[in-house]
Amino acid sequence: VLSMLLLLPLGAAFGQQIKSDAEIGAQWGFTQPAPIDFNDH
């Protein structure tokens, strides 16, 4: 069981949800730019 846990990301090994960079940034009050819109004129 230990060797299998070592193959997993730390959070997943202990049943934690892995957060995206955007989610982590949002916790600190940071925002992402608007998505690419080539047709924005």
PDB file of all heavy atoms in Angstrom:
ATOM      1  N   VAL A   1       0.848  -1.205   0.000  1.00  0.00           N
ATOM      2  CA  VAL A   1       0.000   0.000   0.000  1.00  0.00           C
ATOM      3  C   VAL A   1       0.875   1.243   0.000  1.00  0.00           C
ATOM      4  O   VAL A   1       0.604   2.216  -0.701  1.00  0.00           O
ATOM      5  CB  VAL A   1      -0.934  -0.013   1.223  1.00  0.00           C
ATOM      6  CG1 VAL A   1      -1.694   1.313   1.315  1.00  0.00           C
ATOM      7  CG2 VAL A   1      -1.921  -1.164   1.115  1.00  0.00           C
ATOM      8  N   LEU A   2       1.984   1.211   0.756  1.00  0.00           N
ATOM      9  CA  LEU A   2       2.859   2.372   0.835  1.00  0.00           C
ATOM     10  C   LEU A   2       3.478   2.689  -0.514  1.00  0.00           C
ATOM     11  O   LEU A   2       3.529   3.846  -0.934  1.00  0.00           O
ATOM     12  CB  LEU A   2       3.957   2.126   1.865  1.00  0.00           C
ATOM     13  CG  LEU A   2       4.983   3.275   2.016  1.00  0.00           C
ATOM     14  CD1 LEU A   2       4.270   4.562   2.438  1.00  0.00           C
ATOM     15  CD2 LEU A   2       6.052   2.893   3.035  1.00  0.00           C
ATOM     16  N   SER A   3       3.938   1.649  -1.240  1.00  0.00           N
ATOM     17  CA  SER A   3       4.559   1.899  -2.534  1.00  0.00           C
ATOM     18  C   SER A   3       3.561   2.470  -3.522  1.00  0.00           C
ATOM     19  O   SER A   3       3.896   3.301  -4.365  1.00  0.00           O
ATOM     20  CB  SER A   3       5.172   0.613  -3.087  1.00  0.00           C
ATOM     21  OG  SER A   3       4.163  -0.339  -3.384  1.00  0.00           O
ATOM     22  N   MET A   4       2.294   2.048  -3.439  1.00  0.00           N
ATOM     23  CA  MET A   4       1.273   2.583  -4.334  1.00  0.00           C
ATOM     24  C   MET A   4       0.970   4.033  -4.010  1.00  0.00           C
ATOM     25  O   MET A   4       0.756   4.853  -4.899  1.00  0.00           O
ATOM     26  CB  MET A   4      -0.001   1.734  -4.247  1.00  0.00           C
ATOM     27  CG  MET A   4       0.188   0.300  -4.764  1.00  0.00           C
ATOM     28  SD  MET A   4      -1.274  -0.715  -4.551  1.00  0.00           S
ATOM     29  CE  MET A   4      -2.390   0.075  -5.695  1.00  0.00           C
ATOM     30  N   LEU A   5       0.955   4.370  -2.728  1.00  0.00           N
ATOM     31  CA  LEU A   5       0.700   5.751  -2.331  1.00  0.00           C
ATOM     32  C   LEU A   5       1.800   6.676  -2.825  1.00  0.00           C
ATOM     33  O   LEU A   5       1.549   7.819  -3.197  1.00  0.00           O
ATOM     34  CB  LEU A   5       0.590   5.848  -0.805  1.00  0.00           C
ATOM     35  CG  LEU A   5      -0.706   5.328  -0.182  1.00  0.00           C
ATOM     36  CD1 LEU A   5      -0.589   5.343   1.343  1.00  0.00           C
ATOM     37  CD2 LEU A   5      -1.903   6.144  -0.631  1.00  0.00           C
ATOM     38  N   LEU A   6       3.025   6.170  -2.843  1.00  0.00           N
ATOM     39  CA  LEU A   6       4.141   6.993  -3.280  1.00  0.00           C
ATOM     40  C   LEU A   6       4.050   7.344  -4.758  1.00  0.00           C
ATOM     41  O   LEU A   6       4.676   8.298  -5.217  1.00  0.00           O
ATOM     42  CB  LEU A   6       5.458   6.279  -2.992  1.00  0.00           C
ATOM     43  CG  LEU A   6       5.825   6.164  -1.510  1.00  0.00           C
ATOM     44  CD1 LEU A   6       7.076   5.320  -1.338  1.00  0.00           C
ATOM     45  CD2 LEU A   6       6.016   7.542  -0.892  1.00  0.00           C
ATOM     46  N   LEU A   7       3.290   6.570  -5.538  1.00  0.00           N
ATOM     47  CA  LEU A   7       3.138   6.842  -6.959  1.00  0.00           C
ATOM     48  C   LEU A   7       2.077   7.887  -7.239  1.00  0.00           C
ATOM     49  O   LEU A   7       1.944   8.355  -8.366  1.00  0.00           O
ATOM     50  CB  LEU A   7       2.775   5.551  -7.707  1.00  0.00           C
ATOM     51  CG  LEU A   7       3.844   4.457  -7.691  1.00  0.00           C
ATOM     52  CD1 LEU A   7       3.305   3.198  -8.361  1.00  0.00           C
ATOM     53  CD2 LEU A   7       5.106   4.941  -8.396  1.00  0.00           C
ATOM     54  N   LEU A   8       1.301   8.263  -6.228  1.00  0.00           N
ATOM     55  CA  LEU A   8       0.229   9.239  -6.400  1.00  0.00           C
ATOM     56  C   LEU A   8       0.689  10.617  -5.969  1.00  0.00           C
ATOM     57  O   LEU A   8       1.584  10.751  -5.132  1.00  0.00           O
ATOM     58  CB  LEU A   8      -0.982   8.841  -5.538  1.00  0.00           C
ATOM     59  CG  LEU A   8      -1.682   7.530  -5.892  1.00  0.00           C
ATOM     60  CD1 LEU A   8      -2.735   7.235  -4.828  1.00  0.00           C
ATOM     61  CD2 LEU A   8      -2.333   7.621  -7.262  1.00  0.00           C
ATOM     62  N   PRO A   9       0.084  11.686  -6.581  1.00  0.00           N
ATOM     63  CA  PRO A   9       0.317  13.022  -6.042  1.00  0.00           C
ATOM     64  C   PRO A   9      -0.048  13.055  -4.572  1.00  0.00           C
ATOM     65  O   PRO A   9      -0.957  12.344  -4.128  1.00  0.00           O
ATOM     66  CB  PRO A   9      -0.614  13.905  -6.876  1.00  0.00           C
ATOM     67  CG  PRO A   9      -0.866  13.139  -8.137  1.00  0.00           C
ATOM     68  CD  PRO A   9      -0.832  11.688  -7.716  1.00  0.00           C
ATOM     69  N   LEU A  10       0.662  13.883  -3.828  1.00  0.00           N
ATOM     70  CA  LEU A  10       0.510  13.877  -2.375  1.00  0.00           C
ATOM     71  C   LEU A  10      -0.935  14.068  -1.946  1.00  0.00           C
ATOM     72  O   LEU A  10      -1.451  13.352  -1.091  1.00  0.00           O
ATOM     73  CB  LEU A  10       1.393  14.983  -1.776  1.00  0.00           C
ATOM     74  CG  LEU A  10       1.430  15.045  -0.244  1.00  0.00           C
ATOM     75  CD1 LEU A  10       1.935  13.718   0.316  1.00  0.00           C
ATOM     76  CD2 LEU A  10       2.306  16.205   0.223  1.00  0.00           C
ATOM     77  N   GLY A  11      -1.630  15.078  -2.567  1.00  0.00           N
ATOM     78  CA  GLY A  11      -3.010  15.342  -2.172  1.00  0.00           C
ATOM     79  C   GLY A  11      -3.915  14.163  -2.473  1.00  0.00           C
ATOM     80  O   GLY A  11      -4.751  13.775  -1.652  1.00  0.00           O
ATOM     81  N   ALA A  12      -3.735  13.548  -3.670  1.00  0.00           N
ATOM     82  CA  ALA A  12      -4.589  12.425  -4.046  1.00  0.00           C
ATOM     83  C   ALA A  12      -4.345  11.229  -3.149  1.00  0.00           C
ATOM     84  O   ALA A  12      -5.252  10.463  -2.845  1.00  0.00           O
ATOM     85  CB  ALA A  12      -4.331  12.063  -5.515  1.00  0.00           C
ATOM     86  N   ALA A  13      -3.102  11.051  -2.691  1.00  0.00           N
ATOM     87  CA  ALA A  13      -2.769   9.907  -1.847  1.00  0.00           C
ATOM     88  C   ALA A  13      -3.547   9.928  -0.553  1.00  0.00           C
ATOM     89  O   ALA A  13      -3.864   8.884   0.012  1.00  0.00           O
ATOM     90  CB  ALA A  13      -1.264   9.902  -1.570  1.00  0.00           C
ATOM     91  N   PHE A  14      -3.882  11.107  -0.083  1.00  0.00           N
ATOM     92  CA  PHE A  14      -4.598  11.217   1.196  1.00  0.00           C
ATOM     93  C   PHE A  14      -6.026  11.704   0.992  1.00  0.00           C
ATOM     94  O   PHE A  14      -6.648  12.255   1.886  1.00  0.00           O
ATOM     95  CB  PHE A  14      -3.841  12.160   2.127  1.00  0.00           C
ATOM     96  CG  PHE A  14      -2.536  11.586   2.588  1.00  0.00           C
ATOM     97  CD1 PHE A  14      -1.360  11.872   1.915  1.00  0.00           C
ATOM     98  CD2 PHE A  14      -2.486  10.716   3.667  1.00  0.00           C
ATOM     99  CE1 PHE A  14      -0.159  11.332   2.326  1.00  0.00           C
ATOM    100  CE2 PHE A  14      -1.289  10.166   4.075  1.00  0.00           C
ATOM    101  CZ  PHE A  14      -0.111  10.468   3.408  1.00  0.00           C
ATOM    102  N   GLY A  15      -6.562  11.510  -0.253  1.00  0.00           N
ATOM    103  CA  GLY A  15      -7.965  11.793  -0.504  1.00  0.00           C
ATOM    104  C   GLY A  15      -8.288  13.264  -0.647  1.00  0.00           C
ATOM    105  O   GLY A  15      -9.469  13.633  -0.585  1.00  0.00           O
ATOM    106  N   GLN A  16      -7.277  14.133  -0.820  1.00  0.00           N
ATOM    107  CA  GLN A  16      -7.534  15.556  -0.969  1.00  0.00           C
ATOM    108  C   GLN A  16      -7.728  15.899  -2.439  1.00  0.00           C
ATOM    109  O   GLN A  16      -7.126  15.310  -3.319  1.00  0.00           O
ATOM    110  CB  GLN A  16      -6.365  16.367  -0.406  1.00  0.00           C
ATOM    111  CG  GLN A  16      -6.145  16.163   1.084  1.00  0.00           C
ATOM    112  CD  GLN A  16      -4.921  16.929   1.553  1.00  0.00           C
ATOM    113  OE1 GLN A  16      -4.343  17.706   0.817  1.00  0.00           O
ATOM    114  NE2 GLN A  16      -4.529  16.695   2.804  1.00  0.00           N
ATOM    115  N   GLN A  17      -8.590  16.906  -2.707  1.00  0.00           N
ATOM    116  CA  GLN A  17      -8.816  17.368  -4.066  1.00  0.00           C
ATOM    117  C   GLN A  17      -7.658  18.261  -4.504  1.00  0.00           C
ATOM    118  O   GLN A  17      -7.238  19.147  -3.770  1.00  0.00           O
ATOM    119  CB  GLN A  17     -10.129  18.146  -4.141  1.00  0.00           C
ATOM    120  CG  GLN A  17     -10.467  18.636  -5.547  1.00  0.00           C
ATOM    121  CD  GLN A  17     -11.779  19.384  -5.576  1.00  0.00           C
ATOM    122  OE1 GLN A  17     -12.437  19.535  -4.555  1.00  0.00           O
ATOM    123  NE2 GLN A  17     -12.176  19.843  -6.747  1.00  0.00           N
ATOM    124  N   ILE A  18      -7.092  17.996  -5.698  1.00  0.00           N
ATOM    125  CA  ILE A  18      -6.016  18.811  -6.231  1.00  0.00           C
ATOM    126  C   ILE A  18      -6.609  20.064  -6.858  1.00  0.00           C
ATOM    127  O   ILE A  18      -7.463  19.988  -7.740  1.00  0.00           O
ATOM    128  CB  ILE A  18      -5.198  18.036  -7.276  1.00  0.00           C
ATOM    129  CG1 ILE A  18      -4.664  16.735  -6.674  1.00  0.00           C
ATOM    130  CG2 ILE A  18      -4.063  18.896  -7.803  1.00  0.00           C
ATOM    131  CD1 ILE A  18      -3.764  16.947  -5.479  1.00  0.00           C
ATOM    132  N   LYS A  19      -6.176  21.218  -6.413  1.00  0.00           N
ATOM    133  CA  LYS A  19      -6.724  22.479  -6.903  1.00  0.00           C
ATOM    134  C   LYS A  19      -5.897  23.005  -8.074  1.00  0.00           C
ATOM    135  O   LYS A  19      -4.688  22.808  -8.141  1.00  0.00           O
ATOM    136  CB  LYS A  19      -6.743  23.517  -5.777  1.00  0.00           C
ATOM    137  CG  LYS A  19      -7.680  23.161  -4.626  1.00  0.00           C
ATOM    138  CD  LYS A  19      -7.688  24.258  -3.576  1.00  0.00           C
ATOM    139  CE  LYS A  19      -8.649  23.915  -2.446  1.00  0.00           C
ATOM    140  NZ  LYS A  19      -8.679  24.970  -1.402  1.00  0.00           N
ATOM    141  N   SER A  20      -6.593  23.674  -8.977  1.00  0.00           N
ATOM    142  CA  SER A  20      -5.914  24.283 -10.115  1.00  0.00           C
ATOM    143  C   SER A  20      -5.223  25.565  -9.673  1.00  0.00           C
ATOM    144  O   SER A  20      -5.477  26.101  -8.588  1.00  0.00           O
ATOM    145  CB  SER A  20      -6.921  24.605 -11.219  1.00  0.00           C
ATOM    146  OG  SER A  20      -7.800  25.644 -10.788  1.00  0.00           O
ATOM    147  N   ASP A  21      -4.342  26.065 -10.539  1.00  0.00           N
ATOM    148  CA  ASP A  21      -3.674  27.334 -10.254  1.00  0.00           C
ATOM    149  C   ASP A  21      -4.691  28.450 -10.075  1.00  0.00           C
ATOM    150  O   ASP A  21      -4.529  29.329  -9.221  1.00  0.00           O
ATOM    151  CB  ASP A  21      -2.710  27.693 -11.390  1.00  0.00           C
ATOM    152  CG  ASP A  21      -1.507  26.769 -11.419  1.00  0.00           C
ATOM    153  OD1 ASP A  21      -1.299  26.037 -10.442  1.00  0.00           O
ATOM    154  OD2 ASP A  21      -0.772  26.796 -12.427  1.00  0.00           O
ATOM    155  N   ALA A  22      -5.747  28.432 -10.908  1.00  0.00           N
ATOM    156  CA  ALA A  22      -6.773  29.474 -10.817  1.00  0.00           C
ATOM    157  C   ALA A  22      -7.494  29.427  -9.472  1.00  0.00           C
ATOM    158  O   ALA A  22      -7.773  30.465  -8.861  1.00  0.00           O
ATOM    159  CB  ALA A  22      -7.775  29.331 -11.960  1.00  0.00           C
ATOM    160  N   GLU A  23      -7.776  28.211  -9.010  1.00  0.00           N
ATOM    161  CA  GLU A  23      -8.463  28.067  -7.717  1.00  0.00           C
ATOM    162  C   GLU A  23      -7.574  28.535  -6.577  1.00  0.00           C
ATOM    163  O   GLU A  23      -8.030  29.201  -5.647  1.00  0.00           O
ATOM    164  CB  GLU A  23      -8.882  26.607  -7.510  1.00  0.00           C
ATOM    165  CG  GLU A  23      -9.999  26.161  -8.435  1.00  0.00           C
ATOM    166  CD  GLU A  23     -10.266  24.674  -8.335  1.00  0.00           C
ATOM    167  OE1 GLU A  23      -9.292  23.903  -8.193  1.00  0.00           O
ATOM    168  OE2 GLU A  23     -11.442  24.293  -8.397  1.00  0.00           O
ATOM    169  N   ILE A  24      -6.298  28.198  -6.661  1.00  0.00           N
ATOM    170  CA  ILE A  24      -5.373  28.640  -5.622  1.00  0.00           C
ATOM    171  C   ILE A  24      -5.256  30.159  -5.640  1.00  0.00           C
ATOM    172  O   ILE A  24      -5.269  30.828  -4.606  1.00  0.00           O
ATOM    173  CB  ILE A  24      -4.000  27.979  -5.813  1.00  0.00           C
ATOM    174  CG1 ILE A  24      -4.111  26.463  -5.605  1.00  0.00           C
ATOM    175  CG2 ILE A  24      -2.973  28.577  -4.855  1.00  0.00           C
ATOM    176  CD1 ILE A  24      -2.864  25.703  -5.967  1.00  0.00           C
ATOM    177  N   GLY A  25      -5.143  30.725  -6.854  1.00  0.00           N
ATOM    178  CA  GLY A  25      -5.055  32.174  -6.970  1.00  0.00           C
ATOM    179  C   GLY A  25      -6.285  32.873  -6.435  1.00  0.00           C
ATOM    180  O   GLY A  25      -6.185  33.931  -5.793  1.00  0.00           O
ATOM    181  N   ALA A  26      -7.457  32.283  -6.686  1.00  0.00           N
ATOM    182  CA  ALA A  26      -8.698  32.899  -6.217  1.00  0.00           C
ATOM    183  C   ALA A  26      -8.744  32.970  -4.702  1.00  0.00           C
ATOM    184  O   ALA A  26      -9.323  33.905  -4.129  1.00  0.00           O
ATOM    185  CB  ALA A  26      -9.891  32.111  -6.751  1.00  0.00           C
ATOM    186  N   GLN A  27      -8.127  32.001  -4.046  1.00  0.00           N
ATOM    187  CA  GLN A  27      -8.096  32.030  -2.579  1.00  0.00           C
ATOM    188  C   GLN A  27      -7.360  33.259  -2.066  1.00  0.00           C
ATOM    189  O   GLN A  27      -7.623  33.735  -0.963  1.00  0.00           O
ATOM    190  CB  GLN A  27      -7.412  30.764  -2.055  1.00  0.00           C
ATOM    191  CG  GLN A  27      -8.228  29.505  -2.232  1.00  0.00           C
ATOM    192  CD  GLN A  27      -7.513  28.291  -1.675  1.00  0.00           C
ATOM    193  OE1 GLN A  27      -6.286  28.218  -1.654  1.00  0.00           O
ATOM    194  NE2 GLN A  27      -8.283  27.318  -1.212  1.00  0.00           N
ATOM    195  N   TRP A  28      -6.441  33.777  -2.864  1.00  0.00           N
ATOM    196  CA  TRP A  28      -5.661  34.948  -2.478  1.00  0.00           C
ATOM    197  C   TRP A  28      -6.191  36.239  -3.097  1.00  0.00           C
ATOM    198  O   TRP A  28      -5.548  37.292  -2.997  1.00  0.00           O
ATOM    199  CB  TRP A  28      -4.198  34.744  -2.874  1.00  0.00           C
ATOM    200  CG  TRP A  28      -3.535  33.629  -2.118  1.00  0.00           C
ATOM    201  CD1 TRP A  28      -3.469  32.321  -2.481  1.00  0.00           C
ATOM    202  CD2 TRP A  28      -2.881  33.729  -0.857  1.00  0.00           C
ATOM    203  NE1 TRP A  28      -2.791  31.581  -1.538  1.00  0.00           N
ATOM    204  CE2 TRP A  28      -2.416  32.440  -0.508  1.00  0.00           C
ATOM    205  CE3 TRP A  28      -2.625  34.781   0.025  1.00  0.00           C
ATOM    206  CZ2 TRP A  28      -1.722  32.174   0.665  1.00  0.00           C
ATOM    207  CZ3 TRP A  28      -1.928  34.500   1.193  1.00  0.00           C
ATOM    208  CH2 TRP A  28      -1.490  33.221   1.510  1.00  0.00           C
ATOM    209  N   GLY A  29      -7.325  36.150  -3.753  1.00  0.00           N
ATOM    210  CA  GLY A  29      -7.930  37.339  -4.338  1.00  0.00           C
ATOM    211  C   GLY A  29      -7.384  37.708  -5.699  1.00  0.00           C
ATOM    212  O   GLY A  29      -7.630  38.806  -6.203  1.00  0.00           O
ATOM    213  N   PHE A  30      -6.614  36.788  -6.336  1.00  0.00           N
ATOM    214  CA  PHE A  30      -6.086  37.061  -7.673  1.00  0.00           C
ATOM    215  C   PHE A  30      -7.115  36.654  -8.727  1.00  0.00           C
ATOM    216  O   PHE A  30      -7.939  35.771  -8.494  1.00  0.00           O
ATOM    217  CB  PHE A  30      -4.786  36.302  -7.915  1.00  0.00           C
ATOM    218  CG  PHE A  30      -3.700  36.646  -6.935  1.00  0.00           C
ATOM    219  CD1 PHE A  30      -3.056  35.656  -6.204  1.00  0.00           C
ATOM    220  CD2 PHE A  30      -3.324  37.969  -6.731  1.00  0.00           C
ATOM    221  CE1 PHE A  30      -2.052  35.966  -5.300  1.00  0.00           C
ATOM    222  CE2 PHE A  30      -2.312  38.290  -5.840  1.00  0.00           C
ATOM    223  CZ  PHE A  30      -1.684  37.299  -5.118  1.00  0.00           C
ATOM    224  N   THR A  31      -7.065  37.277  -9.896  1.00  0.00           N
ATOM    225  CA  THR A  31      -7.983  36.949 -10.969  1.00  0.00           C
ATOM    226  C   THR A  31      -7.210  36.602 -12.240  1.00  0.00           C
ATOM    227  O   THR A  31      -6.070  37.035 -12.425  1.00  0.00           O
ATOM    228  CB  THR A  31      -8.925  38.120 -11.278  1.00  0.00           C
ATOM    229  OG1 THR A  31      -8.145  39.272 -11.650  1.00  0.00           O
ATOM    230  CG2 THR A  31      -9.774  38.476 -10.064  1.00  0.00           C
ATOM    231  N   GLN A  32      -7.843  35.826 -13.098  1.00  0.00           N
ATOM    232  CA  GLN A  32      -7.277  35.466 -14.386  1.00  0.00           C
ATOM    233  C   GLN A  32      -7.714  36.485 -15.450  1.00  0.00           C
ATOM    234  O   GLN A  32      -8.780  37.088 -15.338  1.00  0.00           O
ATOM    235  CB  GLN A  32      -7.759  34.076 -14.808  1.00  0.00           C
ATOM    236  CG  GLN A  32      -7.213  32.943 -13.964  1.00  0.00           C
ATOM    237  CD  GLN A  32      -5.763  32.631 -14.281  1.00  0.00           C
ATOM    238  OE1 GLN A  32      -5.309  32.829 -15.403  1.00  0.00           O
ATOM    239  NE2 GLN A  32      -5.032  32.158 -13.284  1.00  0.00           N
ATOM    240  N   PRO A  33      -6.894  36.702 -16.493  1.00  0.00           N
ATOM    241  CA  PRO A  33      -7.349  37.559 -17.591  1.00  0.00           C
ATOM    242  C   PRO A  33      -8.513  36.903 -18.322  1.00  0.00           C
ATOM    243  O   PRO A  33      -8.704  35.681 -18.249  1.00  0.00           O
ATOM    244  CB  PRO A  33      -6.116  37.665 -18.506  1.00  0.00           C
ATOM    245  CG  PRO A  33      -5.318  36.444 -18.203  1.00  0.00           C
ATOM    246  CD  PRO A  33      -5.547  36.154 -16.743  1.00  0.00           C
ATOM    247  N   ALA A  34      -9.287  37.723 -19.031  1.00  0.00           N
ATOM    248  CA  ALA A  34     -10.355  37.173 -19.859  1.00  0.00           C
ATOM    249  C   ALA A  34      -9.755  36.248 -20.908  1.00  0.00           C
ATOM    250  O   ALA A  34      -8.614  36.439 -21.341  1.00  0.00           O
ATOM    251  CB  ALA A  34     -11.133  38.307 -20.527  1.00  0.00           C
ATOM    252  N   PRO A  35     -10.469  35.234 -21.333  1.00  0.00           N
ATOM    253  CA  PRO A  35      -9.920  34.287 -22.310  1.00  0.00           C
ATOM    254  C   PRO A  35      -9.671  34.954 -23.666  1.00  0.00           C
ATOM    255  O   PRO A  35     -10.202  36.025 -23.968  1.00  0.00           O
ATOM    256  CB  PRO A  35     -11.006  33.210 -22.409  1.00  0.00           C
ATOM    257  CG  PRO A  35     -12.256  33.892 -21.970  1.00  0.00           C
ATOM    258  CD  PRO A  35     -11.841  34.872 -20.923  1.00  0.00           C
ATOM    259  N   ILE A  36      -8.859  34.305 -24.477  1.00  0.00           N
ATOM    260  CA  ILE A  36      -8.555  34.801 -25.818  1.00  0.00           C
ATOM    261  C   ILE A  36      -9.850  34.965 -26.601  1.00  0.00           C
ATOM    262  O   ILE A  36     -10.704  34.079 -26.616  1.00  0.00           O
ATOM    263  CB  ILE A  36      -7.629  33.823 -26.551  1.00  0.00           C
ATOM    264  CG1 ILE A  36      -6.260  33.753 -25.876  1.00  0.00           C
ATOM    265  CG2 ILE A  36      -7.475  34.217 -28.013  1.00  0.00           C
ATOM    266  CD1 ILE A  36      -5.377  32.658 -26.432  1.00  0.00           C
ATOM    267  N   ASP A  37      -9.993  36.120 -27.252  1.00  0.00           N
ATOM    268  CA  ASP A  37     -11.136  36.368 -28.129  1.00  0.00           C
ATOM    269  C   ASP A  37     -10.615  37.100 -29.360  1.00  0.00           C
ATOM    270  O   ASP A  37     -10.511  38.326 -29.369  1.00  0.00           O
ATOM    271  CB  ASP A  37     -12.219  37.181 -27.413  1.00  0.00           C
ATOM    272  CG  ASP A  37     -13.475  37.359 -28.260  1.00  0.00           C
ATOM    273  OD1 ASP A  37     -13.477  36.892 -29.423  1.00  0.00           O
ATOM    274  OD2 ASP A  37     -14.448  37.964 -27.772  1.00  0.00           O
ATOM    275  N   PHE A  38     -10.297  36.355 -30.395  1.00  0.00           N
ATOM    276  CA  PHE A  38      -9.735  36.948 -31.605  1.00  0.00           C
ATOM    277  C   PHE A  38     -10.718  37.905 -32.257  1.00  0.00           C
ATOM    278  O   PHE A  38     -10.315  38.850 -32.946  1.00  0.00           O
ATOM    279  CB  PHE A  38      -9.351  35.839 -32.585  1.00  0.00           C
ATOM    280  CG  PHE A  38      -8.595  36.321 -33.793  1.00  0.00           C
ATOM    281  CD1 PHE A  38      -7.237  36.585 -33.717  1.00  0.00           C
ATOM    282  CD2 PHE A  38      -9.243  36.512 -35.010  1.00  0.00           C
ATOM    283  CE1 PHE A  38      -6.530  37.033 -34.835  1.00  0.00           C
ATOM    284  CE2 PHE A  38      -8.547  36.951 -36.125  1.00  0.00           C
ATOM    285  CZ  PHE A  38      -7.188  37.216 -36.036  1.00  0.00           C
ATOM    286  N   ASN A  39     -11.999  37.684 -32.027  1.00  0.00           N
ATOM    287  CA  ASN A  39     -13.032  38.512 -32.647  1.00  0.00           C
ATOM    288  C   ASN A  39     -13.441  39.712 -31.808  1.00  0.00           C
ATOM    289  O   ASN A  39     -14.393  40.410 -32.155  1.00  0.00           O
ATOM    290  CB  ASN A  39     -14.255  37.654 -32.971  1.00  0.00           C
ATOM    291  CG  ASN A  39     -13.947  36.590 -34.011  1.00  0.00           C
ATOM    292  OD1 ASN A  39     -13.338  36.882 -35.026  1.00  0.00           O
ATOM    293  ND2 ASN A  39     -14.354  35.359 -33.741  1.00  0.00           N
ATOM    294  N   ASP A  40     -12.730  39.972 -30.728  1.00  0.00           N
ATOM    295  CA  ASP A  40     -12.975  41.185 -29.939  1.00  0.00           C
ATOM    296  C   ASP A  40     -12.356  42.370 -30.666  1.00  0.00           C
ATOM    297  O   ASP A  40     -11.133  42.449 -30.802  1.00  0.00           O
ATOM    298  CB  ASP A  40     -12.374  41.027 -28.545  1.00  0.00           C
ATOM    299  CG  ASP A  40     -12.496  42.300 -27.709  1.00  0.00           C
ATOM    300  OD1 ASP A  40     -13.302  43.180 -28.077  1.00  0.00           O
ATOM    301  OD2 ASP A  40     -11.770  42.412 -26.706  1.00  0.00           O
ATOM    302  N   HIS A  41     -13.171  43.306 -31.139  1.00  0.00           N
ATOM    303  CA  HIS A  41     -12.690  44.443 -31.910  1.00  0.00           C
ATOM    304  C   HIS A  41     -12.944  45.768 -31.209  1.00  0.00           C
ATOM    305  O   HIS A  41     -12.898  46.821 -31.851  1.00  0.00           O
ATOM    306  CB  HIS A  41     -13.350  44.448 -33.296  1.00  0.00           C
ATOM    307  CG  HIS A  41     -13.023  43.232 -34.112  1.00  0.00           C
ATOM    308  ND1 HIS A  41     -13.933  42.622 -34.952  1.00  0.00           N
ATOM    309  CD2 HIS A  41     -11.884  42.492 -34.206  1.00  0.00           C
ATOM    310  CE1 HIS A  41     -13.375  41.571 -35.528  1.00  0.00           C
ATOM    311  NE2 HIS A  41     -12.129  41.474 -35.082  1.00  0.00           N
TER     312      HIS A  41
END
